[in-house]
Structures are given as structure tokens and as C-alpha cells.
Amino acid sequence: MAKFKILKEPQLRRLIFASIPADLADWLDYTVIAALFAYFWQTGPFPLAMFAIALGLPYLVAGPFV
């Protein structure tokens, strides 16, 4: 298959497979922080919205230039 041709490069394959657990750990961190906001600190929807904006803002601002 043509779409899996990229996985034949060993260095790129290593990078892709190493990023999978790192991305999973990032999303687990985000889930824990959101749970802290919602349940432990009992904040309202505004801090959760600010957290979501803080996560997405670097991609929106720096993404087009990078």
C-alpha cells in the first residue's frame, strides 16, 4: 500500500512509534487537569474554557508561521 510506504524509513518509524506514548501521556495529563478543575477545585465552566483556550492558542497563533 502506498500510504504505509512511509513506515519503511526506520528513523521516521521510530519517531512515530515513540510519539504514541508521549501523546497518550499528554492527553492523560489534560484529563487529570480538567478533572481537578471540575471536581477537586469545583470551579465553574469559565476556568475549563480558559484551559481549553490555553491548550489551543499556541497552535492557532504559532501554527501558521511554523
N, C-alpha and C. Protein backbone atom coordinates (compact mmCIF):
# COMPACT_ATOMS: atom_id res chain seq x y z
N MET A 1 0.83 -1.19 0.00
CA MET A 1 0.00 0.00 0.00
C MET A 1 0.87 1.24 0.00
N ALA A 2 0.42 2.23 -0.68
CA ALA A 2 1.20 3.46 -0.82
C ALA A 2 1.20 4.28 0.47
N LYS A 3 0.12 4.21 1.24
CA LYS A 3 0.07 5.05 2.43
C LYS A 3 0.95 4.53 3.56
N PHE A 4 1.34 3.27 3.53
CA PHE A 4 2.23 2.72 4.55
C PHE A 4 3.69 2.71 4.08
N LYS A 5 3.95 3.28 2.94
CA LYS A 5 5.30 3.34 2.40
C LYS A 5 6.23 4.16 3.30
N ILE A 6 5.67 5.14 3.99
CA ILE A 6 6.47 6.00 4.86
C ILE A 6 7.04 5.21 6.04
N LEU A 7 6.39 4.13 6.44
CA LEU A 7 6.86 3.34 7.57
C LEU A 7 8.08 2.48 7.24
N LYS A 8 8.49 2.48 6.01
CA LYS A 8 9.70 1.73 5.63
C LYS A 8 10.97 2.46 6.02
N GLU A 9 10.87 3.74 6.32
CA GLU A 9 12.02 4.52 6.80
C GLU A 9 12.21 4.24 8.28
N PRO A 10 13.35 3.64 8.69
CA PRO A 10 13.48 3.23 10.09
C PRO A 10 13.51 4.39 11.08
N GLN A 11 14.16 5.49 10.74
CA GLN A 11 14.22 6.61 11.68
C GLN A 11 12.86 7.27 11.86
N LEU A 12 12.13 7.42 10.77
CA LEU A 12 10.81 8.02 10.86
C LEU A 12 9.84 7.08 11.59
N ARG A 13 9.96 5.79 11.35
CA ARG A 13 9.12 4.81 12.03
C ARG A 13 9.38 4.84 13.54
N ARG A 14 10.63 4.95 13.92
CA ARG A 14 10.98 5.05 15.34
C ARG A 14 10.39 6.31 15.97
N LEU A 15 10.45 7.43 15.24
CA LEU A 15 9.90 8.68 15.74
C LEU A 15 8.38 8.59 15.90
N ILE A 16 7.71 8.01 14.94
CA ILE A 16 6.25 7.89 15.01
C ILE A 16 5.85 7.00 16.18
N PHE A 17 6.51 5.85 16.32
CA PHE A 17 6.14 4.94 17.40
C PHE A 17 6.55 5.45 18.77
N ALA A 18 7.54 6.31 18.84
CA ALA A 18 7.92 6.91 20.12
C ALA A 18 6.96 8.03 20.50
N SER A 19 6.34 8.66 19.53
CA SER A 19 5.42 9.75 19.85
C SER A 19 4.07 9.25 20.34
N ILE A 20 3.73 8.01 20.09
CA ILE A 20 2.43 7.48 20.52
C ILE A 20 2.29 7.50 22.04
N PRO A 21 3.23 6.93 22.83
CA PRO A 21 3.05 7.02 24.29
C PRO A 21 3.17 8.45 24.82
N ALA A 22 3.96 9.29 24.16
CA ALA A 22 4.08 10.67 24.61
C ALA A 22 2.76 11.41 24.41
N ASP A 23 2.10 11.20 23.28
CA ASP A 23 0.80 11.83 23.05
C ASP A 23 -0.25 11.30 24.01
N LEU A 24 -0.20 10.02 24.30
CA LEU A 24 -1.14 9.44 25.26
C LEU A 24 -0.93 10.05 26.65
N ALA A 25 0.30 10.23 27.05
CA ALA A 25 0.59 10.84 28.34
C ALA A 25 0.12 12.29 28.39
N ASP A 26 0.26 13.02 27.29
CA ASP A 26 -0.25 14.39 27.25
C ASP A 26 -1.75 14.43 27.46
N TRP A 27 -2.48 13.55 26.77
CA TRP A 27 -3.93 13.57 26.91
C TRP A 27 -4.36 13.11 28.29
N LEU A 28 -3.62 12.22 28.90
CA LEU A 28 -3.94 11.83 30.28
C LEU A 28 -3.71 13.00 31.23
N ASP A 29 -2.66 13.77 31.00
CA ASP A 29 -2.43 14.97 31.81
C ASP A 29 -3.57 15.96 31.67
N TYR A 30 -4.03 16.19 30.43
CA TYR A 30 -5.12 17.12 30.20
C TYR A 30 -6.40 16.64 30.90
N THR A 31 -6.63 15.34 30.87
CA THR A 31 -7.82 14.79 31.53
C THR A 31 -7.74 14.99 33.04
N VAL A 32 -6.58 14.78 33.61
CA VAL A 32 -6.41 14.95 35.05
C VAL A 32 -6.57 16.41 35.45
N ILE A 33 -6.02 17.31 34.67
CA ILE A 33 -6.16 18.74 34.98
C ILE A 33 -7.62 19.17 34.88
N ALA A 34 -8.33 18.70 33.86
CA ALA A 34 -9.75 19.03 33.74
C ALA A 34 -10.54 18.45 34.90
N ALA A 35 -10.19 17.25 35.34
CA ALA A 35 -10.87 16.65 36.49
C ALA A 35 -10.57 17.44 37.77
N LEU A 36 -9.36 17.93 37.91
CA LEU A 36 -9.04 18.78 39.06
C LEU A 36 -9.88 20.04 39.06
N PHE A 37 -9.98 20.69 37.91
CA PHE A 37 -10.81 21.89 37.81
C PHE A 37 -12.26 21.58 38.17
N ALA A 38 -12.79 20.51 37.63
CA ALA A 38 -14.22 20.25 37.76
C ALA A 38 -14.60 19.69 39.12
N TYR A 39 -13.83 18.73 39.64
CA TYR A 39 -14.26 18.02 40.83
C TYR A 39 -13.53 18.44 42.11
N PHE A 40 -12.23 18.59 42.04
CA PHE A 40 -11.48 18.89 43.26
C PHE A 40 -11.61 20.35 43.65
N TRP A 41 -11.38 21.24 42.67
CA TRP A 41 -11.46 22.67 42.95
C TRP A 41 -12.87 23.22 42.78
N GLN A 42 -13.75 22.45 42.17
CA GLN A 42 -15.16 22.81 41.96
C GLN A 42 -15.32 24.19 41.32
N THR A 43 -14.60 24.39 40.26
CA THR A 43 -14.72 25.65 39.52
C THR A 43 -15.87 25.54 38.53
N GLY A 44 -16.24 26.65 37.97
CA GLY A 44 -17.33 26.68 37.01
C GLY A 44 -16.82 26.40 35.60
N PRO A 45 -17.64 26.70 34.62
CA PRO A 45 -17.25 26.45 33.23
C PRO A 45 -16.21 27.41 32.69
N PHE A 46 -16.09 28.59 33.28
CA PHE A 46 -15.14 29.58 32.76
C PHE A 46 -13.68 29.11 32.86
N PRO A 47 -13.20 28.59 34.01
CA PRO A 47 -11.82 28.09 34.04
C PRO A 47 -11.58 26.91 33.09
N LEU A 48 -12.59 26.07 32.91
CA LEU A 48 -12.43 24.98 31.94
C LEU A 48 -12.31 25.52 30.51
N ALA A 49 -13.08 26.55 30.21
CA ALA A 49 -12.99 27.17 28.89
C ALA A 49 -11.63 27.84 28.70
N MET A 50 -11.12 28.50 29.74
CA MET A 50 -9.81 29.13 29.65
C MET A 50 -8.70 28.09 29.49
N PHE A 51 -8.87 26.94 30.14
CA PHE A 51 -7.90 25.85 29.98
C PHE A 51 -7.91 25.35 28.54
N ALA A 52 -9.08 25.19 27.95
CA ALA A 52 -9.17 24.75 26.56
C ALA A 52 -8.55 25.78 25.61
N ILE A 53 -8.78 27.05 25.90
CA ILE A 53 -8.18 28.10 25.06
C ILE A 53 -6.67 28.11 25.23
N ALA A 54 -6.20 27.93 26.46
CA ALA A 54 -4.76 27.91 26.69
C ALA A 54 -4.10 26.73 25.99
N LEU A 55 -4.81 25.63 25.83
CA LEU A 55 -4.25 24.49 25.11
C LEU A 55 -4.21 24.73 23.60
N GLY A 56 -5.23 25.37 23.07
CA GLY A 56 -5.32 25.54 21.63
C GLY A 56 -4.67 26.79 21.08
N LEU A 57 -4.49 27.79 21.92
CA LEU A 57 -3.98 29.07 21.44
C LEU A 57 -2.58 29.01 20.81
N PRO A 58 -1.64 28.25 21.37
CA PRO A 58 -0.33 28.20 20.68
C PRO A 58 -0.40 27.61 19.28
N TYR A 59 -1.30 26.65 19.08
CA TYR A 59 -1.45 26.08 17.73
C TYR A 59 -2.05 27.08 16.76
N LEU A 60 -2.97 27.89 17.26
CA LEU A 60 -3.60 28.88 16.40
C LEU A 60 -2.69 30.06 16.08
N VAL A 61 -1.88 30.45 17.06
CA VAL A 61 -1.03 31.63 16.88
C VAL A 61 0.27 31.27 16.15
N ALA A 62 0.96 30.26 16.62
CA ALA A 62 2.27 29.93 16.05
C ALA A 62 2.18 28.95 14.87
N GLY A 63 1.11 28.20 14.82
CA GLY A 63 0.97 27.17 13.78
C GLY A 63 1.13 27.65 12.36
N PRO A 64 0.43 28.72 11.98
CA PRO A 64 0.57 29.17 10.59
C PRO A 64 1.99 29.64 10.22
N PHE A 65 2.74 30.10 11.19
CA PHE A 65 4.08 30.60 10.90
C PHE A 65 5.14 29.51 10.95
N VAL A 66 4.89 28.49 11.73
CA VAL A 66 5.85 27.41 11.87
C VAL A 66 5.71 26.48 10.70
